[in-house]
Amino acid sequence: MEQLDSDFDYVVRERKRRVVTRETRFNLLLIFPALGLLWLLYLIGAAIFQWSLTGVVNPVMTIVVVLFALLVGLLFWAFAPSATKQ
């Protein structure tokens, strides 16, 4: 019977730090126009198919206020100088 090979070589891979550039930070902000487009499509659908909007408007306006605060925070983050520049 053969002896088991218990001499393992462990390879430790170093994680490469991912550099977040200003362009990639601004690309994250593209979610806001996409959400606006979805809301516009919903409003167009409500106009065409005569859906009731009374139960939807208040929650959506609350989400819009929260998204505005998130937008302001993300804009400060996107305009921040890069850590690699001194």
N, C-alpha and C. Protein backbone atom coordinates (compact mmCIF):
# COMPACT_ATOMS: atom_id res chain seq x y z
N MET A 1 0.84 -1.18 0.00
CA MET A 1 0.00 0.00 0.00
C MET A 1 0.89 1.24 0.00
N GLU A 2 0.48 2.21 -0.81
CA GLU A 2 1.27 3.43 -0.95
C GLU A 2 0.98 4.39 0.21
N GLN A 3 2.03 5.09 0.60
CA GLN A 3 1.87 6.06 1.68
C GLN A 3 1.23 7.34 1.12
N LEU A 4 0.36 7.94 1.91
CA LEU A 4 -0.30 9.17 1.48
C LEU A 4 0.69 10.32 1.44
N ASP A 5 0.54 11.13 0.43
CA ASP A 5 1.40 12.31 0.31
C ASP A 5 0.80 13.43 1.15
N SER A 6 1.43 13.74 2.24
CA SER A 6 0.89 14.77 3.14
C SER A 6 1.72 16.04 3.13
N ASP A 7 2.63 16.15 2.18
CA ASP A 7 3.46 17.35 2.07
C ASP A 7 2.78 18.32 1.10
N PHE A 8 1.94 19.15 1.64
CA PHE A 8 1.23 20.11 0.81
C PHE A 8 2.04 21.39 0.69
N ASP A 9 2.02 21.95 -0.48
CA ASP A 9 2.62 23.25 -0.70
C ASP A 9 1.50 24.27 -0.79
N TYR A 10 1.45 25.16 0.15
CA TYR A 10 0.41 26.18 0.16
C TYR A 10 0.93 27.42 -0.54
N VAL A 11 0.17 27.85 -1.50
CA VAL A 11 0.54 29.04 -2.24
C VAL A 11 -0.29 30.19 -1.69
N VAL A 12 0.40 31.17 -1.17
CA VAL A 12 -0.29 32.35 -0.64
C VAL A 12 -0.27 33.41 -1.72
N ARG A 13 -1.46 33.73 -2.19
CA ARG A 13 -1.55 34.76 -3.23
C ARG A 13 -1.86 36.08 -2.56
N GLU A 14 -1.10 37.05 -2.94
CA GLU A 14 -1.35 38.39 -2.41
C GLU A 14 -2.46 39.04 -3.20
N ARG A 15 -3.38 39.64 -2.48
CA ARG A 15 -4.47 40.34 -3.17
C ARG A 15 -3.96 41.66 -3.70
N LYS A 16 -4.26 41.87 -4.93
CA LYS A 16 -3.89 43.11 -5.56
C LYS A 16 -4.91 44.17 -5.18
N ARG A 17 -4.45 45.31 -4.71
CA ARG A 17 -5.39 46.38 -4.37
C ARG A 17 -5.99 46.93 -5.64
N ARG A 18 -7.29 46.99 -5.63
CA ARG A 18 -7.99 47.52 -6.79
C ARG A 18 -8.03 49.03 -6.68
N VAL A 19 -7.51 49.67 -7.67
CA VAL A 19 -7.46 51.13 -7.67
C VAL A 19 -8.80 51.65 -8.18
N VAL A 20 -9.42 52.47 -7.37
CA VAL A 20 -10.69 53.07 -7.75
C VAL A 20 -10.38 54.47 -8.29
N THR A 21 -10.57 54.62 -9.58
CA THR A 21 -10.28 55.91 -10.19
C THR A 21 -11.53 56.78 -10.15
N ARG A 22 -11.34 58.03 -10.51
CA ARG A 22 -12.45 58.97 -10.51
C ARG A 22 -13.53 58.56 -11.51
N GLU A 23 -13.10 58.00 -12.63
CA GLU A 23 -14.07 57.57 -13.65
C GLU A 23 -14.95 56.44 -13.13
N THR A 24 -14.37 55.48 -12.41
CA THR A 24 -15.18 54.38 -11.89
C THR A 24 -16.12 54.87 -10.79
N ARG A 25 -15.69 55.86 -10.04
CA ARG A 25 -16.58 56.41 -9.02
C ARG A 25 -17.76 57.14 -9.65
N PHE A 26 -17.52 57.84 -10.75
CA PHE A 26 -18.61 58.52 -11.42
C PHE A 26 -19.53 57.54 -12.15
N ASN A 27 -18.99 56.40 -12.58
CA ASN A 27 -19.83 55.39 -13.23
C ASN A 27 -20.87 54.83 -12.27
N LEU A 28 -20.59 54.82 -10.99
CA LEU A 28 -21.55 54.35 -10.00
C LEU A 28 -22.78 55.26 -9.96
N LEU A 29 -22.60 56.51 -10.30
CA LEU A 29 -23.71 57.46 -10.28
C LEU A 29 -24.71 57.24 -11.41
N LEU A 30 -24.38 56.36 -12.35
CA LEU A 30 -25.28 56.11 -13.47
C LEU A 30 -26.54 55.35 -13.04
N ILE A 31 -26.58 54.88 -11.81
CA ILE A 31 -27.78 54.20 -11.34
C ILE A 31 -28.94 55.18 -11.18
N PHE A 32 -28.66 56.43 -10.90
CA PHE A 32 -29.73 57.41 -10.69
C PHE A 32 -30.52 57.71 -11.97
N PRO A 33 -29.88 57.92 -13.10
CA PRO A 33 -30.69 58.08 -14.32
C PRO A 33 -31.46 56.81 -14.69
N ALA A 34 -30.89 55.65 -14.37
CA ALA A 34 -31.60 54.39 -14.66
C ALA A 34 -32.86 54.29 -13.81
N LEU A 35 -32.77 54.68 -12.53
CA LEU A 35 -33.96 54.67 -11.68
C LEU A 35 -34.99 55.69 -12.16
N GLY A 36 -34.53 56.84 -12.61
CA GLY A 36 -35.44 57.84 -13.15
C GLY A 36 -36.14 57.35 -14.41
N LEU A 37 -35.41 56.61 -15.24
CA LEU A 37 -36.01 56.06 -16.45
C LEU A 37 -37.08 55.02 -16.10
N LEU A 38 -36.80 54.19 -15.09
CA LEU A 38 -37.81 53.21 -14.65
C LEU A 38 -39.07 53.91 -14.13
N TRP A 39 -38.90 54.99 -13.36
CA TRP A 39 -40.05 55.73 -12.85
C TRP A 39 -40.83 56.38 -14.00
N LEU A 40 -40.12 56.89 -14.97
CA LEU A 40 -40.78 57.49 -16.13
C LEU A 40 -41.56 56.45 -16.94
N LEU A 41 -41.00 55.26 -17.09
CA LEU A 41 -41.71 54.19 -17.79
C LEU A 41 -42.96 53.78 -17.02
N TYR A 42 -42.86 53.77 -15.69
CA TYR A 42 -44.03 53.43 -14.89
C TYR A 42 -45.13 54.50 -15.05
N LEU A 43 -44.73 55.76 -15.06
CA LEU A 43 -45.71 56.83 -15.24
C LEU A 43 -46.35 56.79 -16.63
N ILE A 44 -45.57 56.47 -17.64
CA ILE A 44 -46.12 56.33 -18.98
C ILE A 44 -47.10 55.16 -19.04
N GLY A 45 -46.73 54.06 -18.40
CA GLY A 45 -47.64 52.92 -18.34
C GLY A 45 -48.92 53.24 -17.60
N ALA A 46 -48.82 54.05 -16.53
CA ALA A 46 -50.02 54.45 -15.78
C ALA A 46 -50.89 55.36 -16.62
N ALA A 47 -50.29 56.18 -17.45
CA ALA A 47 -51.09 57.06 -18.31
C ALA A 47 -51.78 56.27 -19.42
N ILE A 48 -51.08 55.28 -19.95
CA ILE A 48 -51.67 54.51 -21.05
C ILE A 48 -52.75 53.56 -20.55
N PHE A 49 -52.44 52.82 -19.46
CA PHE A 49 -53.34 51.78 -19.00
C PHE A 49 -54.25 52.22 -17.85
N GLN A 50 -54.21 53.50 -17.48
CA GLN A 50 -55.08 54.08 -16.45
C GLN A 50 -54.92 53.39 -15.09
N TRP A 51 -53.66 53.14 -14.68
CA TRP A 51 -53.41 52.58 -13.35
C TRP A 51 -53.59 53.66 -12.32
N SER A 52 -53.97 53.28 -11.13
CA SER A 52 -54.09 54.25 -10.04
C SER A 52 -52.71 54.49 -9.43
N LEU A 53 -52.37 55.75 -9.24
CA LEU A 53 -51.06 56.11 -8.68
C LEU A 53 -51.14 56.56 -7.23
N THR A 54 -52.33 56.56 -6.63
CA THR A 54 -52.47 57.12 -5.28
C THR A 54 -51.69 56.34 -4.24
N GLY A 55 -51.61 55.04 -4.37
CA GLY A 55 -50.88 54.24 -3.38
C GLY A 55 -49.39 54.18 -3.62
N VAL A 56 -48.94 54.69 -4.74
CA VAL A 56 -47.53 54.57 -5.11
C VAL A 56 -46.76 55.87 -4.90
N VAL A 57 -47.43 56.99 -4.98
CA VAL A 57 -46.74 58.28 -4.99
C VAL A 57 -46.03 58.56 -3.66
N ASN A 58 -46.68 58.36 -2.53
CA ASN A 58 -46.05 58.66 -1.24
C ASN A 58 -44.80 57.80 -0.97
N PRO A 59 -44.85 56.48 -1.15
CA PRO A 59 -43.60 55.72 -0.95
C PRO A 59 -42.49 56.10 -1.92
N VAL A 60 -42.86 56.40 -3.16
CA VAL A 60 -41.84 56.76 -4.14
C VAL A 60 -41.21 58.11 -3.79
N MET A 61 -42.00 59.05 -3.31
CA MET A 61 -41.44 60.34 -2.93
C MET A 61 -40.52 60.21 -1.70
N THR A 62 -40.85 59.31 -0.80
CA THR A 62 -39.95 59.04 0.34
C THR A 62 -38.64 58.45 -0.16
N ILE A 63 -38.72 57.52 -1.10
CA ILE A 63 -37.51 56.93 -1.66
C ILE A 63 -36.70 57.98 -2.42
N VAL A 64 -37.37 58.91 -3.09
CA VAL A 64 -36.67 59.97 -3.83
C VAL A 64 -35.89 60.87 -2.87
N VAL A 65 -36.47 61.18 -1.71
CA VAL A 65 -35.76 62.00 -0.73
C VAL A 65 -34.52 61.27 -0.22
N VAL A 66 -34.66 59.98 0.06
CA VAL A 66 -33.51 59.19 0.52
C VAL A 66 -32.46 59.09 -0.58
N LEU A 67 -32.90 58.88 -1.82
CA LEU A 67 -31.95 58.81 -2.93
C LEU A 67 -31.25 60.14 -3.18
N PHE A 68 -31.93 61.25 -2.91
CA PHE A 68 -31.27 62.55 -3.05
C PHE A 68 -30.14 62.69 -2.04
N ALA A 69 -30.39 62.29 -0.80
CA ALA A 69 -29.33 62.33 0.21
C ALA A 69 -28.18 61.40 -0.18
N LEU A 70 -28.52 60.23 -0.73
CA LEU A 70 -27.49 59.30 -1.19
C LEU A 70 -26.70 59.88 -2.36
N LEU A 71 -27.39 60.58 -3.24
CA LEU A 71 -26.73 61.22 -4.38
C LEU A 71 -25.73 62.27 -3.92
N VAL A 72 -26.12 63.08 -2.95
CA VAL A 72 -25.21 64.11 -2.44
C VAL A 72 -23.97 63.46 -1.83
N GLY A 73 -24.16 62.40 -1.05
CA GLY A 73 -23.02 61.69 -0.46
C GLY A 73 -22.13 61.06 -1.50
N LEU A 74 -22.73 60.46 -2.52
CA LEU A 74 -21.93 59.84 -3.58
C LEU A 74 -21.20 60.88 -4.43
N LEU A 75 -21.80 62.05 -4.59
CA LEU A 75 -21.10 63.10 -5.33
C LEU A 75 -19.87 63.58 -4.56
N PHE A 76 -19.98 63.71 -3.24
CA PHE A 76 -18.80 64.07 -2.45
C PHE A 76 -17.73 63.00 -2.58
N TRP A 77 -18.15 61.73 -2.59
CA TRP A 77 -17.20 60.63 -2.72
C TRP A 77 -16.57 60.60 -4.11
N ALA A 78 -17.37 60.88 -5.14
CA ALA A 78 -16.85 60.83 -6.51
C ALA A 78 -15.88 61.97 -6.80
N PHE A 79 -16.14 63.14 -6.23
CA PHE A 79 -15.27 64.29 -6.45
C PHE A 79 -14.05 64.30 -5.53
N ALA A 80 -13.97 63.37 -4.60
CA ALA A 80 -12.86 63.35 -3.67
C ALA A 80 -11.55 63.07 -4.43
N PRO A 81 -10.47 63.69 -3.98
CA PRO A 81 -9.21 63.42 -4.66
C PRO A 81 -8.77 61.99 -4.44
N SER A 82 -8.05 61.46 -5.40
CA SER A 82 -7.60 60.08 -5.33
C SER A 82 -6.54 59.92 -4.25
N ALA A 83 -6.48 58.74 -3.65
CA ALA A 83 -5.50 58.48 -2.59
C ALA A 83 -4.09 58.38 -3.14
N THR A 84 -3.95 58.08 -4.42
CA THR A 84 -2.62 57.95 -5.01
C THR A 84 -2.00 59.29 -5.31
N LYS A 85 -2.82 60.32 -5.48
CA LYS A 85 -2.28 61.66 -5.72
C LYS A 85 -1.97 62.34 -4.39
N GLN A 86 -0.88 63.01 -4.35
CA GLN A 86 -0.49 63.70 -3.11
C GLN A 86 -0.72 65.18 -3.24
